[in-house]
Each structure stands twice: as C-alpha cells, then as structure tokens.
Amino acid sequence: MPQRGPGLEAAQGRRTGAATALALVLTLILTLALALTGCGEVATGEASAASAFDPSNALSQPKEYVGPSTARVVESAIEPITDNPAPDLPAQVTDAQGSAVTITDVSRILALDIYGTTSRIVYSLGLGGNVIGRDTSSAFDEIKDLPRVTPEGNTLNAEAILELAPSVII
C-alpha cells in the first residue's frame, strides 16, 4: 500500500483544481453555445409580427426538414363569433351511446373533453358566459378561474359536477 505524504496530497489537490477548472470551462462553452444558437430561450408567450407565420416561407417538403424550428402562439384570446347567441331550443341530439337527448336549457354549460377544445368551441360560439366549470385541459385565460371537475388529470369528479348543477354537459 503506497504511503501518503505531502507530495501525494499536493498532486491530488492539483488534479481536483484542474477538474474544477475544466468543468467551469465546459459549462461556459455550453452556455455560450446555447445562447448563440437560440436554444434555451425563455418563451415570453408573445411573438412579434415578424415571427408570425408567412405562407411564402413554407417548406415544400416539411416532413423532410431536419433542424430547429419554433412554434409560437401569436394570439390566444377567444373572439366569439357573436355576442348575443340565441340558441334554437329545444334541440334534439343523439349522444355517443345512440340515445336521443332533448336539450331545453343552456344556461349552465359544462363542456368537457380530453384536450380542452370543447370548452373553447363553446366560448367561440358566444356561450362562454354560460360555462360553469372546466376540465384540466381547459386552461385558457377566459376559463382558468372556473371550478375544475377533473382534479386528477382527466378523471371526472362526480361530486364536483353535481355541485355545479349543469343544465347540459357536452
């Protein structure tokens, strides 16, 4: 077994210092590379008009493209197609099980789906003021303060739904 002495400890100290310096240099190089290539950029949620989609710059073969790309939501606010919709009620629809359902009241709407698109459509149709709750996937600004009836992912909470007393569930 080799003996430890001041020479061995000094050599180990130099190696530890060299390893620390190397790690610092590599970290600086990586940070600089990320900054220069635009990787690691913090999204602000806002895009300039210059970065909006321009169809004249579209790729002819987008599936063959290899390289960086960025997607930005330019405008996320929902603009209803009408301010005062007048639903034609009663309305009869067929549900997913094939049963005929008559809708007579849309004053308390609960729009649920796995992606949050159903509630967004209801808002777009001008009925957002009638929406009384939301699912986890519906997190856009206009709905985010409403009670959530899917507290664990997309699992429905029956008590939360009954407490809201919806007139129609979509």
N, C-alpha and C. Protein backbone atom coordinates (compact mmCIF):
# COMPACT_ATOMS: atom_id res chain seq x y z
N MET A 1 0.84 -1.18 0.00
CA MET A 1 0.00 0.00 0.00
C MET A 1 0.88 1.24 0.00
N PRO A 2 0.66 2.18 -0.96
CA PRO A 2 1.51 3.36 -1.02
C PRO A 2 1.29 4.25 0.19
N GLN A 3 2.34 4.89 0.58
CA GLN A 3 2.24 5.79 1.72
C GLN A 3 1.77 7.17 1.25
N ARG A 4 0.99 7.77 2.14
CA ARG A 4 0.51 9.12 1.83
C ARG A 4 1.51 10.10 2.40
N GLY A 5 1.75 11.12 1.64
CA GLY A 5 2.67 12.14 2.10
C GLY A 5 2.31 13.47 1.49
N PRO A 6 3.04 14.50 1.81
CA PRO A 6 2.72 15.84 1.30
C PRO A 6 2.78 15.92 -0.21
N GLY A 7 3.63 15.15 -0.85
CA GLY A 7 3.74 15.19 -2.31
C GLY A 7 2.50 14.62 -2.98
N LEU A 8 1.97 13.49 -2.44
CA LEU A 8 0.78 12.86 -2.99
C LEU A 8 -0.44 13.75 -2.81
N GLU A 9 -0.59 14.34 -1.63
CA GLU A 9 -1.73 15.23 -1.37
C GLU A 9 -1.67 16.46 -2.28
N ALA A 10 -0.53 17.00 -2.54
CA ALA A 10 -0.39 18.16 -3.42
C ALA A 10 -0.77 17.81 -4.84
N ALA A 11 -0.38 16.60 -5.29
CA ALA A 11 -0.71 16.17 -6.65
C ALA A 11 -2.22 15.98 -6.78
N GLN A 12 -2.85 15.39 -5.77
CA GLN A 12 -4.29 15.21 -5.80
C GLN A 12 -5.00 16.56 -5.79
N GLY A 13 -4.51 17.50 -5.04
CA GLY A 13 -5.09 18.85 -4.99
C GLY A 13 -5.03 19.53 -6.35
N ARG A 14 -3.88 19.35 -7.06
CA ARG A 14 -3.75 19.95 -8.40
C ARG A 14 -4.73 19.32 -9.36
N ARG A 15 -4.92 17.97 -9.26
CA ARG A 15 -5.89 17.30 -10.14
C ARG A 15 -7.31 17.76 -9.86
N THR A 16 -7.67 17.92 -8.59
CA THR A 16 -9.01 18.37 -8.24
C THR A 16 -9.23 19.79 -8.74
N GLY A 17 -8.24 20.64 -8.60
CA GLY A 17 -8.34 22.02 -9.10
C GLY A 17 -8.45 22.05 -10.62
N ALA A 18 -7.70 21.19 -11.30
CA ALA A 18 -7.76 21.12 -12.76
C ALA A 18 -9.12 20.61 -13.21
N ALA A 19 -9.68 19.64 -12.51
CA ALA A 19 -11.00 19.11 -12.87
C ALA A 19 -12.08 20.17 -12.67
N THR A 20 -11.97 20.93 -11.60
CA THR A 20 -12.94 22.01 -11.35
C THR A 20 -12.84 23.08 -12.44
N ALA A 21 -11.62 23.44 -12.81
CA ALA A 21 -11.43 24.44 -13.86
C ALA A 21 -11.96 23.93 -15.19
N LEU A 22 -11.73 22.66 -15.51
CA LEU A 22 -12.24 22.07 -16.75
C LEU A 22 -13.76 22.08 -16.77
N ALA A 23 -14.37 21.72 -15.64
CA ALA A 23 -15.84 21.72 -15.56
C ALA A 23 -16.39 23.13 -15.76
N LEU A 24 -15.73 24.11 -15.20
CA LEU A 24 -16.15 25.51 -15.35
C LEU A 24 -16.04 25.96 -16.80
N VAL A 25 -14.94 25.62 -17.46
CA VAL A 25 -14.74 25.99 -18.86
C VAL A 25 -15.79 25.32 -19.74
N LEU A 26 -16.05 24.04 -19.53
CA LEU A 26 -17.06 23.33 -20.31
C LEU A 26 -18.45 23.92 -20.10
N THR A 27 -18.77 24.29 -18.88
CA THR A 27 -20.06 24.92 -18.59
C THR A 27 -20.18 26.24 -19.32
N LEU A 28 -19.12 27.05 -19.31
CA LEU A 28 -19.15 28.33 -20.01
C LEU A 28 -19.30 28.14 -21.52
N ILE A 29 -18.61 27.16 -22.08
CA ILE A 29 -18.71 26.89 -23.52
C ILE A 29 -20.13 26.46 -23.88
N LEU A 30 -20.71 25.56 -23.08
CA LEU A 30 -22.07 25.10 -23.34
C LEU A 30 -23.08 26.25 -23.23
N THR A 31 -22.93 27.10 -22.21
CA THR A 31 -23.82 28.25 -22.05
C THR A 31 -23.70 29.19 -23.23
N LEU A 32 -22.50 29.46 -23.68
CA LEU A 32 -22.28 30.33 -24.83
C LEU A 32 -22.88 29.73 -26.10
N ALA A 33 -22.71 28.42 -26.30
CA ALA A 33 -23.26 27.75 -27.47
C ALA A 33 -24.79 27.84 -27.47
N LEU A 34 -25.42 27.62 -26.31
CA LEU A 34 -26.88 27.71 -26.22
C LEU A 34 -27.35 29.13 -26.50
N ALA A 35 -26.64 30.09 -25.98
CA ALA A 35 -27.04 31.49 -26.19
C ALA A 35 -26.90 31.89 -27.66
N LEU A 36 -25.84 31.45 -28.32
CA LEU A 36 -25.62 31.84 -29.71
C LEU A 36 -26.56 31.14 -30.68
N THR A 37 -27.02 29.93 -30.33
CA THR A 37 -27.91 29.20 -31.24
C THR A 37 -29.38 29.44 -30.94
N GLY A 38 -29.68 30.14 -29.86
CA GLY A 38 -31.07 30.41 -29.52
C GLY A 38 -31.70 29.30 -28.71
N CYS A 39 -30.97 28.23 -28.43
CA CYS A 39 -31.52 27.15 -27.61
C CYS A 39 -31.58 27.64 -26.17
N GLY A 40 -32.54 27.15 -25.44
CA GLY A 40 -32.67 27.54 -24.05
C GLY A 40 -33.34 28.88 -23.90
N GLU A 41 -33.86 29.43 -24.98
CA GLU A 41 -34.53 30.72 -24.93
C GLU A 41 -35.80 30.60 -24.10
N VAL A 42 -36.04 31.56 -23.24
CA VAL A 42 -37.23 31.54 -22.41
C VAL A 42 -38.38 32.11 -23.23
N ALA A 43 -39.48 31.34 -23.33
CA ALA A 43 -40.65 31.79 -24.09
C ALA A 43 -41.38 32.85 -23.31
N THR A 44 -41.74 33.94 -23.95
CA THR A 44 -42.45 35.02 -23.28
C THR A 44 -43.94 34.93 -23.51
N GLY A 45 -44.36 34.07 -24.44
CA GLY A 45 -45.78 33.97 -24.74
C GLY A 45 -46.23 34.99 -25.76
N GLU A 46 -45.31 35.85 -26.17
CA GLU A 46 -45.65 36.86 -27.16
C GLU A 46 -44.74 36.70 -28.37
N ALA A 47 -45.28 36.91 -29.51
CA ALA A 47 -44.49 36.83 -30.72
C ALA A 47 -44.63 38.14 -31.47
N SER A 48 -43.57 38.53 -32.10
CA SER A 48 -43.65 39.77 -32.87
C SER A 48 -44.32 39.49 -34.20
N ALA A 49 -44.76 40.54 -34.84
CA ALA A 49 -45.40 40.38 -36.14
C ALA A 49 -44.44 39.76 -37.14
N ALA A 50 -43.15 40.03 -36.97
CA ALA A 50 -42.15 39.50 -37.89
C ALA A 50 -42.03 37.98 -37.77
N SER A 51 -42.36 37.41 -36.59
CA SER A 51 -42.21 35.97 -36.43
C SER A 51 -43.50 35.22 -36.70
N ALA A 52 -44.56 35.93 -37.09
CA ALA A 52 -45.82 35.26 -37.42
C ALA A 52 -45.63 34.42 -38.67
N PHE A 53 -46.48 33.41 -38.85
CA PHE A 53 -46.36 32.51 -39.98
C PHE A 53 -46.53 33.26 -41.29
N ASP A 54 -45.63 33.02 -42.19
CA ASP A 54 -45.68 33.63 -43.52
C ASP A 54 -45.74 32.49 -44.53
N PRO A 55 -46.91 32.30 -45.20
CA PRO A 55 -47.05 31.17 -46.13
C PRO A 55 -46.02 31.17 -47.26
N SER A 56 -45.48 32.33 -47.60
CA SER A 56 -44.49 32.36 -48.69
C SER A 56 -43.17 31.70 -48.28
N ASN A 57 -42.96 31.52 -46.98
CA ASN A 57 -41.74 30.87 -46.49
C ASN A 57 -41.97 29.40 -46.16
N ALA A 58 -43.13 28.85 -46.49
CA ALA A 58 -43.44 27.46 -46.16
C ALA A 58 -42.52 26.51 -46.91
N LEU A 59 -42.16 25.43 -46.25
CA LEU A 59 -41.29 24.43 -46.87
C LEU A 59 -42.09 23.60 -47.87
N SER A 60 -41.47 23.24 -48.98
CA SER A 60 -42.16 22.42 -49.97
C SER A 60 -42.29 20.97 -49.48
N GLN A 61 -41.34 20.49 -48.70
CA GLN A 61 -41.37 19.13 -48.15
C GLN A 61 -41.12 19.20 -46.64
N PRO A 62 -42.11 19.62 -45.85
CA PRO A 62 -41.87 19.81 -44.42
C PRO A 62 -41.50 18.53 -43.67
N LYS A 63 -41.95 17.37 -44.13
CA LYS A 63 -41.61 16.12 -43.45
C LYS A 63 -40.14 15.77 -43.59
N GLU A 64 -39.47 16.33 -44.59
CA GLU A 64 -38.06 16.03 -44.82
C GLU A 64 -37.14 17.02 -44.12
N TYR A 65 -37.71 18.07 -43.53
CA TYR A 65 -36.89 19.10 -42.88
C TYR A 65 -36.26 18.55 -41.61
N VAL A 66 -34.97 18.80 -41.45
CA VAL A 66 -34.25 18.44 -40.25
C VAL A 66 -33.59 19.70 -39.73
N GLY A 67 -33.82 20.02 -38.48
CA GLY A 67 -33.20 21.20 -37.90
C GLY A 67 -34.13 21.86 -36.91
N PRO A 68 -33.70 22.97 -36.36
CA PRO A 68 -34.50 23.64 -35.33
C PRO A 68 -35.74 24.32 -35.93
N SER A 69 -36.78 24.40 -35.13
CA SER A 69 -37.97 25.13 -35.51
C SER A 69 -38.62 25.66 -34.25
N THR A 70 -39.41 26.68 -34.39
CA THR A 70 -40.07 27.30 -33.25
C THR A 70 -41.53 27.53 -33.57
N ALA A 71 -42.40 27.16 -32.65
CA ALA A 71 -43.83 27.42 -32.80
C ALA A 71 -44.24 28.40 -31.71
N ARG A 72 -44.96 29.42 -32.08
CA ARG A 72 -45.42 30.43 -31.12
C ARG A 72 -46.89 30.70 -31.32
N VAL A 73 -47.59 30.87 -30.22
CA VAL A 73 -48.99 31.27 -30.28
C VAL A 73 -49.01 32.79 -30.34
N VAL A 74 -49.48 33.31 -31.45
CA VAL A 74 -49.47 34.75 -31.62
C VAL A 74 -50.63 35.39 -30.87
N GLU A 75 -51.81 34.83 -30.96
CA GLU A 75 -52.99 35.39 -30.29
C GLU A 75 -53.77 34.24 -29.69
N SER A 76 -53.98 34.28 -28.38
CA SER A 76 -54.70 33.18 -27.75
C SER A 76 -56.08 33.60 -27.24
N ALA A 77 -56.40 34.88 -27.28
CA ALA A 77 -57.70 35.32 -26.80
C ALA A 77 -58.81 34.77 -27.72
N ILE A 78 -59.90 34.37 -27.10
CA ILE A 78 -61.02 33.83 -27.87
C ILE A 78 -61.96 34.96 -28.25
N GLU A 79 -62.22 35.07 -29.54
CA GLU A 79 -63.16 36.07 -30.03
C GLU A 79 -64.43 35.35 -30.47
N PRO A 80 -65.53 35.52 -29.71
CA PRO A 80 -66.78 34.85 -30.09
C PRO A 80 -67.28 35.31 -31.45
N ILE A 81 -67.94 34.39 -32.17
CA ILE A 81 -68.47 34.75 -33.48
C ILE A 81 -69.70 35.64 -33.36
N THR A 82 -70.31 35.65 -32.17
CA THR A 82 -71.44 36.54 -31.91
C THR A 82 -71.45 36.88 -30.43
N ASP A 83 -71.97 38.06 -30.10
CA ASP A 83 -72.01 38.49 -28.70
C ASP A 83 -73.26 38.01 -27.97
N ASN A 84 -74.35 37.90 -28.67
CA ASN A 84 -75.61 37.50 -28.05
C ASN A 84 -76.24 36.33 -28.80
N PRO A 85 -75.69 35.13 -28.63
CA PRO A 85 -76.25 34.00 -29.35
C PRO A 85 -77.66 33.67 -28.84
N ALA A 86 -78.49 33.22 -29.73
CA ALA A 86 -79.85 32.81 -29.37
C ALA A 86 -80.03 31.35 -29.78
N PRO A 87 -79.72 30.42 -28.87
CA PRO A 87 -79.86 29.01 -29.21
C PRO A 87 -81.31 28.67 -29.57
N ASP A 88 -81.48 27.85 -30.57
CA ASP A 88 -82.80 27.41 -31.02
C ASP A 88 -83.18 26.18 -30.21
N LEU A 89 -83.90 26.43 -29.12
CA LEU A 89 -84.27 25.36 -28.20
C LEU A 89 -85.77 25.12 -28.22
N PRO A 90 -86.22 23.92 -27.94
CA PRO A 90 -85.43 22.74 -27.61
C PRO A 90 -84.73 22.18 -28.84
N ALA A 91 -83.62 21.52 -28.59
CA ALA A 91 -82.85 20.88 -29.66
C ALA A 91 -82.69 19.41 -29.32
N GLN A 92 -82.80 18.57 -30.32
CA GLN A 92 -82.65 17.14 -30.09
C GLN A 92 -81.36 16.68 -30.76
N VAL A 93 -80.55 15.96 -29.97
CA VAL A 93 -79.28 15.42 -30.47
C VAL A 93 -79.21 13.95 -30.10
N THR A 94 -78.31 13.25 -30.72
CA THR A 94 -78.06 11.85 -30.40
C THR A 94 -76.73 11.77 -29.69
N ASP A 95 -76.71 11.18 -28.49
CA ASP A 95 -75.47 11.10 -27.74
C ASP A 95 -74.56 9.98 -28.26
N ALA A 96 -73.40 9.82 -27.64
CA ALA A 96 -72.42 8.84 -28.09
C ALA A 96 -72.92 7.41 -27.99
N GLN A 97 -73.93 7.17 -27.15
CA GLN A 97 -74.48 5.81 -26.99
C GLN A 97 -75.65 5.56 -27.93
N GLY A 98 -76.02 6.58 -28.73
CA GLY A 98 -77.11 6.41 -29.67
C GLY A 98 -78.47 6.80 -29.12
N SER A 99 -78.51 7.36 -27.93
CA SER A 99 -79.78 7.78 -27.32
C SER A 99 -80.15 9.18 -27.77
N ALA A 100 -81.44 9.41 -28.00
CA ALA A 100 -81.93 10.74 -28.35
C ALA A 100 -82.02 11.57 -27.06
N VAL A 101 -81.45 12.77 -27.10
CA VAL A 101 -81.44 13.66 -25.94
C VAL A 101 -82.02 15.00 -26.38
N THR A 102 -82.96 15.52 -25.59
CA THR A 102 -83.55 16.83 -25.88
C THR A 102 -82.94 17.85 -24.94
N ILE A 103 -82.34 18.89 -25.51
CA ILE A 103 -81.72 19.96 -24.73
C ILE A 103 -82.70 21.12 -24.69
N THR A 104 -83.07 21.51 -23.46
CA THR A 104 -84.06 22.58 -23.30
C THR A 104 -83.47 23.81 -22.63
N ASP A 105 -82.25 23.69 -22.07
CA ASP A 105 -81.66 24.79 -21.31
C ASP A 105 -80.14 24.77 -21.48
N VAL A 106 -79.57 25.91 -21.85
CA VAL A 106 -78.11 26.02 -21.97
C VAL A 106 -77.56 27.09 -21.04
N SER A 107 -78.28 27.34 -19.94
CA SER A 107 -77.86 28.41 -19.03
C SER A 107 -76.67 28.00 -18.15
N ARG A 108 -76.45 26.71 -17.98
CA ARG A 108 -75.35 26.21 -17.14
C ARG A 108 -74.64 25.09 -17.89
N ILE A 109 -73.64 25.46 -18.68
CA ILE A 109 -72.94 24.51 -19.56
C ILE A 109 -71.66 24.01 -18.91
N LEU A 110 -71.45 22.72 -19.00
CA LEU A 110 -70.19 22.10 -18.58
C LEU A 110 -69.65 21.37 -19.81
N ALA A 111 -68.61 21.92 -20.42
CA ALA A 111 -68.03 21.36 -21.65
C ALA A 111 -66.72 20.66 -21.29
N LEU A 112 -66.69 19.35 -21.49
CA LEU A 112 -65.54 18.54 -21.07
C LEU A 112 -65.00 17.71 -22.22
N ASP A 113 -63.70 17.62 -22.32
CA ASP A 113 -63.05 16.67 -23.22
C ASP A 113 -61.59 16.57 -22.84
N ILE A 114 -60.90 15.66 -23.42
CA ILE A 114 -59.52 15.37 -23.03
C ILE A 114 -58.53 16.46 -23.46
N TYR A 115 -58.88 17.27 -24.45
CA TYR A 115 -57.96 18.28 -24.98
C TYR A 115 -58.33 19.72 -24.64
N GLY A 116 -59.51 19.97 -24.11
CA GLY A 116 -59.93 21.33 -23.79
C GLY A 116 -60.52 22.07 -24.97
N THR A 117 -60.74 21.39 -26.08
CA THR A 117 -61.25 22.07 -27.28
C THR A 117 -62.76 22.30 -27.22
N THR A 118 -63.49 21.44 -26.53
CA THR A 118 -64.94 21.60 -26.48
C THR A 118 -65.31 22.90 -25.77
N SER A 119 -64.67 23.18 -24.66
CA SER A 119 -64.96 24.42 -23.94
C SER A 119 -64.54 25.64 -24.77
N ARG A 120 -63.46 25.52 -25.50
CA ARG A 120 -63.01 26.62 -26.36
C ARG A 120 -64.03 26.88 -27.47
N ILE A 121 -64.63 25.82 -28.01
CA ILE A 121 -65.66 25.98 -29.04
C ILE A 121 -66.89 26.67 -28.45
N VAL A 122 -67.30 26.26 -27.24
CA VAL A 122 -68.45 26.89 -26.59
C VAL A 122 -68.20 28.39 -26.41
N TYR A 123 -67.00 28.75 -25.98
CA TYR A 123 -66.63 30.17 -25.84
C TYR A 123 -66.66 30.86 -27.20
N SER A 124 -66.15 30.20 -28.22
CA SER A 124 -66.11 30.79 -29.56
C SER A 124 -67.52 31.02 -30.13
N LEU A 125 -68.47 30.19 -29.71
CA LEU A 125 -69.85 30.35 -30.16
C LEU A 125 -70.58 31.46 -29.41
N GLY A 126 -69.91 32.08 -28.44
CA GLY A 126 -70.51 33.18 -27.70
C GLY A 126 -71.22 32.75 -26.43
N LEU A 127 -71.10 31.49 -26.05
CA LEU A 127 -71.79 30.98 -24.86
C LEU A 127 -70.86 30.85 -23.65
N GLY A 128 -69.71 31.49 -23.69
CA GLY A 128 -68.74 31.40 -22.59
C GLY A 128 -69.29 31.86 -21.26
N GLY A 129 -70.19 32.82 -21.27
CA GLY A 129 -70.78 33.29 -20.03
C GLY A 129 -71.66 32.25 -19.36
N ASN A 130 -72.05 31.22 -20.09
CA ASN A 130 -72.90 30.16 -19.54
C ASN A 130 -72.08 28.99 -19.01
N VAL A 131 -70.79 28.97 -19.24
CA VAL A 131 -69.94 27.87 -18.79
C VAL A 131 -69.70 28.01 -17.29
N ILE A 132 -69.93 26.93 -16.55
CA ILE A 132 -69.87 26.99 -15.08
C ILE A 132 -68.69 26.24 -14.48
N GLY A 133 -67.95 25.46 -15.28
CA GLY A 133 -66.82 24.70 -14.77
C GLY A 133 -65.94 24.28 -15.92
N ARG A 134 -64.85 23.61 -15.58
CA ARG A 134 -63.89 23.23 -16.62
C ARG A 134 -63.20 21.92 -16.28
N ASP A 135 -62.54 21.37 -17.31
CA ASP A 135 -61.68 20.21 -17.10
C ASP A 135 -60.24 20.69 -17.00
N THR A 136 -59.34 19.80 -16.66
CA THR A 136 -57.93 20.18 -16.51
C THR A 136 -57.34 20.72 -17.79
N SER A 137 -57.74 20.18 -18.93
CA SER A 137 -57.17 20.59 -20.21
C SER A 137 -57.63 21.97 -20.65
N SER A 138 -58.75 22.44 -20.12
CA SER A 138 -59.26 23.77 -20.47
C SER A 138 -58.61 24.77 -19.53
N ALA A 139 -57.54 25.39 -20.00
CA ALA A 139 -56.77 26.28 -19.13
C ALA A 139 -56.53 27.64 -19.79
N PHE A 140 -57.32 27.99 -20.80
CA PHE A 140 -57.13 29.30 -21.44
C PHE A 140 -57.61 30.40 -20.49
N ASP A 141 -57.17 31.62 -20.75
CA ASP A 141 -57.40 32.73 -19.82
C ASP A 141 -58.86 32.93 -19.45
N GLU A 142 -59.75 32.81 -20.40
CA GLU A 142 -61.16 33.09 -20.15
C GLU A 142 -61.82 32.09 -19.20
N ILE A 143 -61.26 30.92 -19.04
CA ILE A 143 -61.89 29.86 -18.26
C ILE A 143 -61.09 29.44 -17.03
N LYS A 144 -59.86 29.88 -16.93
CA LYS A 144 -58.95 29.34 -15.91
C LYS A 144 -59.40 29.55 -14.47
N ASP A 145 -60.28 30.50 -14.20
CA ASP A 145 -60.73 30.74 -12.83
C ASP A 145 -61.99 29.96 -12.45
N LEU A 146 -62.57 29.20 -13.38
CA LEU A 146 -63.76 28.41 -13.08
C LEU A 146 -63.38 27.14 -12.34
N PRO A 147 -64.32 26.58 -11.55
CA PRO A 147 -64.01 25.35 -10.81
C PRO A 147 -63.67 24.19 -11.74
N ARG A 148 -62.70 23.39 -11.32
CA ARG A 148 -62.25 22.25 -12.11
C ARG A 148 -62.95 20.98 -11.63
N VAL A 149 -63.50 20.20 -12.55
CA VAL A 149 -64.21 18.96 -12.20
C VAL A 149 -63.37 17.72 -12.52
N THR A 150 -62.14 17.91 -12.93
CA THR A 150 -61.21 16.80 -13.19
C THR A 150 -59.93 17.07 -12.41
N PRO A 151 -59.95 16.87 -11.09
CA PRO A 151 -58.80 17.23 -10.28
C PRO A 151 -57.56 16.38 -10.51
N GLU A 152 -57.73 15.15 -11.01
CA GLU A 152 -56.59 14.27 -11.24
C GLU A 152 -56.52 13.91 -12.71
N GLY A 153 -55.90 14.76 -13.48
CA GLY A 153 -55.81 14.52 -14.92
C GLY A 153 -57.16 14.67 -15.57
N ASN A 154 -57.67 13.61 -16.18
CA ASN A 154 -58.97 13.66 -16.85
C ASN A 154 -60.01 12.80 -16.16
N THR A 155 -59.79 12.45 -14.91
CA THR A 155 -60.75 11.67 -14.14
C THR A 155 -61.85 12.60 -13.65
N LEU A 156 -63.09 12.29 -14.01
CA LEU A 156 -64.22 13.12 -13.61
C LEU A 156 -64.52 12.95 -12.13
N ASN A 157 -64.83 14.06 -11.46
CA ASN A 157 -65.23 14.03 -10.06
C ASN A 157 -66.73 14.26 -10.01
N ALA A 158 -67.51 13.20 -9.76
CA ALA A 158 -68.97 13.28 -9.79
C ALA A 158 -69.51 14.30 -8.80
N GLU A 159 -68.93 14.37 -7.61
CA GLU A 159 -69.41 15.33 -6.61
C GLU A 159 -69.23 16.76 -7.09
N ALA A 160 -68.09 17.05 -7.71
CA ALA A 160 -67.84 18.40 -8.21
C ALA A 160 -68.81 18.76 -9.33
N ILE A 161 -69.12 17.79 -10.18
CA ILE A 161 -70.06 18.03 -11.29
C ILE A 161 -71.46 18.28 -10.74
N LEU A 162 -71.93 17.45 -9.80
CA LEU A 162 -73.25 17.61 -9.22
C LEU A 162 -73.38 18.93 -8.45
N GLU A 163 -72.31 19.33 -7.80
CA GLU A 163 -72.32 20.59 -7.06
C GLU A 163 -72.54 21.79 -7.97
N LEU A 164 -72.03 21.71 -9.20
CA LEU A 164 -72.21 22.81 -10.17
C LEU A 164 -73.61 22.83 -10.78
N ALA A 165 -74.32 21.73 -10.72
CA ALA A 165 -75.69 21.59 -11.26
C ALA A 165 -75.80 22.09 -12.70
N PRO A 166 -75.06 21.46 -13.63
CA PRO A 166 -75.13 21.90 -15.02
C PRO A 166 -76.48 21.55 -15.65
N SER A 167 -76.93 22.43 -16.57
CA SER A 167 -78.16 22.14 -17.30
C SER A 167 -77.85 21.27 -18.52
N VAL A 168 -76.60 21.32 -18.99
CA VAL A 168 -76.17 20.48 -20.10
C VAL A 168 -74.68 20.20 -19.95
N ILE A 169 -74.30 18.95 -20.20
CA ILE A 169 -72.89 18.55 -20.18
C ILE A 169 -72.55 18.12 -21.60
N ILE A 170 -71.53 18.76 -22.14
CA ILE A 170 -71.08 18.42 -23.50
C ILE A 170 -69.78 17.66 -23.37
